[in-house]
N, C-alpha and C. Protein backbone atom coordinates (compact mmCIF):
# COMPACT_ATOMS: atom_id res chain seq x y z
N UNK A 1 -31.14 22.49 44.30
CA UNK A 1 -31.33 22.94 42.93
C UNK A 1 -29.98 23.24 42.25
N UNK A 2 -29.05 23.87 43.01
CA UNK A 2 -27.75 24.20 42.43
C UNK A 2 -26.98 22.93 42.06
N UNK A 3 -27.07 21.92 42.90
CA UNK A 3 -26.36 20.68 42.63
C UNK A 3 -26.91 20.00 41.38
N UNK A 4 -28.19 20.09 41.20
CA UNK A 4 -28.82 19.49 40.02
C UNK A 4 -28.32 20.19 38.76
N UNK A 5 -28.22 21.52 38.75
CA UNK A 5 -27.73 22.27 37.59
C UNK A 5 -26.25 21.95 37.32
N UNK A 6 -25.47 21.83 38.38
CA UNK A 6 -24.05 21.48 38.23
C UNK A 6 -23.93 20.07 37.65
N UNK A 7 -24.76 19.17 38.14
CA UNK A 7 -24.76 17.79 37.65
C UNK A 7 -25.11 17.74 36.16
N UNK A 8 -26.15 18.44 35.74
CA UNK A 8 -26.57 18.46 34.34
C UNK A 8 -25.49 19.13 33.48
N UNK A 9 -24.88 20.21 33.98
CA UNK A 9 -23.81 20.89 33.23
C UNK A 9 -22.61 19.95 33.05
N UNK A 10 -22.28 19.20 34.08
CA UNK A 10 -21.17 18.25 33.99
C UNK A 10 -21.43 17.17 32.96
N UNK A 11 -22.65 16.67 32.92
CA UNK A 11 -23.00 15.65 31.92
C UNK A 11 -22.93 16.24 30.52
N UNK A 12 -23.45 17.45 30.36
CA UNK A 12 -23.42 18.10 29.04
C UNK A 12 -21.98 18.33 28.59
N UNK A 13 -21.11 18.81 29.47
CA UNK A 13 -19.71 19.03 29.11
C UNK A 13 -19.01 17.70 28.80
N UNK A 14 -19.34 16.68 29.57
CA UNK A 14 -18.75 15.36 29.32
C UNK A 14 -19.09 14.86 27.93
N UNK A 15 -20.36 14.96 27.53
CA UNK A 15 -20.76 14.54 26.19
C UNK A 15 -20.09 15.39 25.11
N UNK A 16 -19.98 16.69 25.38
CA UNK A 16 -19.35 17.58 24.42
C UNK A 16 -17.90 17.16 24.19
N UNK A 17 -17.12 16.96 25.25
CA UNK A 17 -15.72 16.59 25.10
C UNK A 17 -15.56 15.17 24.55
N UNK A 18 -16.47 14.28 24.93
CA UNK A 18 -16.44 12.92 24.38
C UNK A 18 -16.62 12.96 22.87
N UNK A 19 -17.58 13.77 22.40
CA UNK A 19 -17.85 13.88 20.98
C UNK A 19 -16.64 14.48 20.24
N UNK A 20 -16.04 15.51 20.83
CA UNK A 20 -14.86 16.13 20.22
C UNK A 20 -13.71 15.13 20.12
N UNK A 21 -13.46 14.38 21.18
CA UNK A 21 -12.36 13.41 21.18
C UNK A 21 -12.62 12.28 20.19
N UNK A 22 -13.88 11.87 20.08
CA UNK A 22 -14.22 10.81 19.14
C UNK A 22 -13.87 11.25 17.73
N UNK A 23 -14.22 12.45 17.35
CA UNK A 23 -13.90 12.97 16.02
C UNK A 23 -12.40 13.19 15.87
N UNK A 24 -11.73 13.62 16.91
CA UNK A 24 -10.29 13.83 16.87
C UNK A 24 -9.57 12.50 16.62
N UNK A 25 -10.01 11.44 17.29
CA UNK A 25 -9.40 10.13 17.10
C UNK A 25 -9.60 9.63 15.68
N UNK A 26 -10.77 9.89 15.10
CA UNK A 26 -11.01 9.49 13.72
C UNK A 26 -10.06 10.24 12.78
N UNK A 27 -9.84 11.52 13.05
CA UNK A 27 -8.92 12.30 12.22
C UNK A 27 -7.50 11.74 12.30
N UNK A 28 -7.07 11.37 13.48
CA UNK A 28 -5.72 10.82 13.66
C UNK A 28 -5.58 9.50 12.91
N UNK A 29 -6.59 8.63 13.00
CA UNK A 29 -6.52 7.36 12.28
C UNK A 29 -6.44 7.61 10.78
N UNK A 30 -7.19 8.60 10.30
CA UNK A 30 -7.17 8.93 8.89
C UNK A 30 -5.76 9.36 8.47
N UNK A 31 -5.11 10.18 9.29
CA UNK A 31 -3.75 10.63 8.97
C UNK A 31 -2.76 9.48 9.01
N UNK A 32 -2.89 8.61 9.99
CA UNK A 32 -1.94 7.51 10.07
C UNK A 32 -2.13 6.55 8.90
N UNK A 33 -3.37 6.38 8.41
CA UNK A 33 -3.58 5.56 7.23
C UNK A 33 -2.90 6.18 6.02
N UNK A 34 -2.96 7.50 5.91
CA UNK A 34 -2.31 8.18 4.80
C UNK A 34 -0.80 7.98 4.86
N UNK A 35 -0.22 8.08 6.06
CA UNK A 35 1.23 7.89 6.20
C UNK A 35 1.60 6.46 5.81
N UNK A 36 0.82 5.48 6.24
CA UNK A 36 1.08 4.09 5.88
C UNK A 36 0.93 3.87 4.38
N UNK A 37 -0.02 4.57 3.80
CA UNK A 37 -0.24 4.45 2.36
C UNK A 37 0.96 4.99 1.60
N UNK A 38 1.51 6.12 2.05
CA UNK A 38 2.68 6.69 1.39
C UNK A 38 3.88 5.75 1.52
N UNK A 39 4.03 5.15 2.69
CA UNK A 39 5.14 4.23 2.90
C UNK A 39 5.02 3.03 1.96
N UNK A 40 3.80 2.54 1.78
CA UNK A 40 3.55 1.42 0.88
C UNK A 40 3.86 1.81 -0.56
N UNK A 41 3.46 3.01 -0.94
CA UNK A 41 3.71 3.49 -2.30
C UNK A 41 5.20 3.60 -2.58
N UNK A 42 5.94 4.10 -1.62
CA UNK A 42 7.40 4.22 -1.78
C UNK A 42 8.02 2.84 -1.92
N UNK A 43 7.60 1.90 -1.08
CA UNK A 43 8.12 0.53 -1.14
C UNK A 43 7.81 -0.10 -2.49
N UNK A 44 6.61 0.15 -2.99
CA UNK A 44 6.21 -0.40 -4.27
C UNK A 44 7.09 0.14 -5.40
N UNK A 45 7.36 1.44 -5.38
CA UNK A 45 8.23 2.03 -6.40
C UNK A 45 9.64 1.47 -6.32
N UNK A 46 10.13 1.30 -5.09
CA UNK A 46 11.46 0.72 -4.92
C UNK A 46 11.51 -0.70 -5.48
N UNK A 47 10.47 -1.48 -5.21
CA UNK A 47 10.43 -2.86 -5.70
C UNK A 47 10.38 -2.90 -7.22
N UNK A 48 9.63 -2.00 -7.81
CA UNK A 48 9.57 -1.95 -9.28
C UNK A 48 10.93 -1.59 -9.86
N UNK A 49 11.62 -0.67 -9.22
CA UNK A 49 12.96 -0.30 -9.69
C UNK A 49 13.92 -1.49 -9.58
N UNK A 50 13.79 -2.26 -8.51
CA UNK A 50 14.64 -3.45 -8.35
C UNK A 50 14.37 -4.46 -9.47
N UNK A 51 13.09 -4.59 -9.84
CA UNK A 51 12.73 -5.50 -10.94
C UNK A 51 13.37 -5.02 -12.24
N UNK A 52 13.30 -3.73 -12.49
CA UNK A 52 13.90 -3.19 -13.72
C UNK A 52 15.42 -3.39 -13.73
N UNK A 53 16.07 -3.22 -12.58
CA UNK A 53 17.52 -3.46 -12.50
C UNK A 53 17.84 -4.93 -12.77
N UNK A 54 17.00 -5.81 -12.21
CA UNK A 54 17.19 -7.25 -12.44
C UNK A 54 17.06 -7.56 -13.93
N UNK A 55 16.09 -6.93 -14.58
CA UNK A 55 15.91 -7.15 -16.02
C UNK A 55 17.10 -6.63 -16.83
N UNK A 56 17.72 -5.57 -16.38
CA UNK A 56 18.91 -5.06 -17.08
C UNK A 56 20.06 -6.06 -16.97
N UNK A 57 20.15 -6.73 -15.83
CA UNK A 57 21.22 -7.70 -15.62
C UNK A 57 20.95 -9.01 -16.35
N UNK A 58 19.72 -9.53 -16.22
CA UNK A 58 19.42 -10.88 -16.71
C UNK A 58 18.80 -10.92 -18.11
N UNK A 59 18.34 -9.79 -18.61
CA UNK A 59 17.67 -9.67 -19.92
C UNK A 59 16.25 -10.22 -19.93
N UNK A 60 15.92 -11.21 -19.09
CA UNK A 60 14.54 -11.68 -18.98
C UNK A 60 14.34 -12.27 -17.58
N UNK A 61 13.11 -12.17 -17.08
CA UNK A 61 12.79 -12.73 -15.77
C UNK A 61 11.43 -13.41 -15.83
N UNK A 62 11.24 -14.33 -14.89
CA UNK A 62 9.94 -14.97 -14.71
C UNK A 62 9.41 -14.55 -13.34
N UNK A 63 8.15 -14.85 -13.13
CA UNK A 63 7.48 -14.46 -11.88
C UNK A 63 8.25 -14.96 -10.66
N UNK A 64 8.76 -16.19 -10.71
CA UNK A 64 9.49 -16.77 -9.57
C UNK A 64 10.74 -15.97 -9.21
N UNK A 65 11.42 -15.43 -10.23
CA UNK A 65 12.60 -14.60 -9.96
C UNK A 65 12.23 -13.39 -9.11
N UNK A 66 11.13 -12.76 -9.46
CA UNK A 66 10.67 -11.57 -8.73
C UNK A 66 10.25 -11.96 -7.31
N UNK A 67 9.53 -13.06 -7.18
CA UNK A 67 9.10 -13.54 -5.86
C UNK A 67 10.30 -13.73 -4.93
N UNK A 68 11.31 -14.43 -5.42
CA UNK A 68 12.48 -14.74 -4.59
C UNK A 68 13.29 -13.49 -4.26
N UNK A 69 13.48 -12.63 -5.26
CA UNK A 69 14.31 -11.44 -5.05
C UNK A 69 13.66 -10.49 -4.03
N UNK A 70 12.34 -10.29 -4.14
CA UNK A 70 11.65 -9.32 -3.28
C UNK A 70 11.08 -9.95 -2.01
N UNK A 71 10.96 -11.27 -2.00
CA UNK A 71 10.37 -11.94 -0.85
C UNK A 71 8.88 -11.66 -0.74
N UNK A 72 8.19 -11.68 -1.89
CA UNK A 72 6.75 -11.39 -1.92
C UNK A 72 6.00 -12.61 -2.42
N UNK A 73 4.68 -12.54 -2.35
CA UNK A 73 3.85 -13.65 -2.81
C UNK A 73 3.78 -13.68 -4.33
N UNK A 74 3.25 -14.77 -4.84
CA UNK A 74 3.07 -14.94 -6.28
C UNK A 74 2.17 -13.83 -6.83
N UNK A 75 1.08 -13.54 -6.13
CA UNK A 75 0.13 -12.52 -6.60
C UNK A 75 0.78 -11.13 -6.63
N UNK A 76 1.57 -10.82 -5.61
CA UNK A 76 2.22 -9.51 -5.56
C UNK A 76 3.23 -9.37 -6.70
N UNK A 77 4.00 -10.41 -6.93
CA UNK A 77 4.97 -10.39 -8.03
C UNK A 77 4.25 -10.20 -9.36
N UNK A 78 3.15 -10.90 -9.54
CA UNK A 78 2.36 -10.76 -10.77
C UNK A 78 1.83 -9.34 -10.91
N UNK A 79 1.36 -8.77 -9.81
CA UNK A 79 0.85 -7.39 -9.85
C UNK A 79 1.95 -6.41 -10.25
N UNK A 80 3.14 -6.55 -9.68
CA UNK A 80 4.25 -5.67 -10.03
C UNK A 80 4.56 -5.77 -11.52
N UNK A 81 4.65 -6.99 -12.01
CA UNK A 81 4.98 -7.19 -13.42
C UNK A 81 3.88 -6.65 -14.33
N UNK A 82 2.64 -6.85 -13.95
CA UNK A 82 1.52 -6.34 -14.74
C UNK A 82 1.53 -4.81 -14.77
N UNK A 83 1.81 -4.19 -13.64
CA UNK A 83 1.87 -2.73 -13.59
C UNK A 83 3.02 -2.19 -14.44
N UNK A 84 4.17 -2.83 -14.37
CA UNK A 84 5.30 -2.40 -15.19
C UNK A 84 4.98 -2.55 -16.67
N UNK A 85 4.26 -3.60 -17.02
CA UNK A 85 3.86 -3.79 -18.41
C UNK A 85 2.88 -2.70 -18.84
N UNK A 86 1.93 -2.37 -17.97
CA UNK A 86 0.95 -1.32 -18.28
C UNK A 86 1.62 0.05 -18.40
N UNK A 87 2.69 0.26 -17.65
CA UNK A 87 3.44 1.52 -17.71
C UNK A 87 4.35 1.58 -18.93
N UNK A 88 4.45 0.48 -19.67
CA UNK A 88 5.27 0.47 -20.88
C UNK A 88 6.74 0.23 -20.64
N UNK A 89 7.09 -0.25 -19.46
CA UNK A 89 8.50 -0.49 -19.13
C UNK A 89 8.98 -1.85 -19.61
N UNK A 90 8.08 -2.85 -19.56
CA UNK A 90 8.48 -4.21 -19.91
C UNK A 90 7.45 -4.82 -20.87
N UNK A 91 7.81 -5.94 -21.46
CA UNK A 91 6.93 -6.67 -22.36
C UNK A 91 6.80 -8.10 -21.87
N UNK A 92 5.57 -8.61 -21.89
CA UNK A 92 5.33 -10.00 -21.53
C UNK A 92 5.45 -10.85 -22.77
N UNK A 93 6.22 -11.91 -22.67
CA UNK A 93 6.37 -12.85 -23.77
C UNK A 93 5.57 -14.10 -23.41
N UNK A 94 4.74 -14.55 -24.32
CA UNK A 94 3.78 -15.65 -24.15
C UNK A 94 2.60 -15.17 -23.29
N UNK A 95 1.52 -15.91 -23.35
CA UNK A 95 0.28 -15.46 -22.70
C UNK A 95 0.07 -16.01 -21.29
N UNK A 96 0.14 -17.33 -21.13
CA UNK A 96 -0.13 -17.92 -19.82
C UNK A 96 0.79 -19.11 -19.58
N UNK A 97 0.83 -19.52 -18.33
CA UNK A 97 1.54 -20.74 -17.98
C UNK A 97 3.02 -20.56 -17.70
N UNK A 98 3.74 -21.67 -17.74
CA UNK A 98 5.16 -21.68 -17.39
C UNK A 98 6.03 -20.97 -18.43
N UNK A 99 5.52 -20.78 -19.62
CA UNK A 99 6.31 -20.15 -20.68
C UNK A 99 6.36 -18.65 -20.62
N UNK A 100 5.66 -18.04 -19.66
CA UNK A 100 5.60 -16.58 -19.58
C UNK A 100 6.90 -16.04 -18.98
N UNK A 101 7.48 -15.05 -19.64
CA UNK A 101 8.62 -14.33 -19.08
C UNK A 101 8.52 -12.88 -19.54
N UNK A 102 9.35 -12.04 -18.97
CA UNK A 102 9.28 -10.60 -19.22
C UNK A 102 10.63 -10.07 -19.64
N UNK A 103 10.61 -9.08 -20.56
CA UNK A 103 11.81 -8.43 -21.06
C UNK A 103 11.60 -6.93 -21.00
N UNK A 104 12.72 -6.19 -20.99
CA UNK A 104 12.64 -4.73 -21.11
C UNK A 104 12.19 -4.37 -22.51
N UNK A 105 11.49 -3.28 -22.63
CA UNK A 105 11.08 -2.81 -23.96
C UNK A 105 12.23 -2.17 -24.65
């Protein structure tokens, strides 16, 4: 009878600690995602600042200039430029196609 109670207690403790560790691991993943998110945000701000510096030097840029300078995809370069335009830092000249370029406001 004693062995049976010890056995049941061991199983109960095992489930208890398993449950605690499972939640602990989820908390750690959540924190590491936040740290990665902050790192991405910092990188994004740095890239936007580089774009603004490039615009000060060249007076106007196209999407390809941003792609090459930052080593990012076409979509990422477009997103950076769109965000800078929404923030009021730059102005897009022309609407679509190869004629689109950007200037400082």
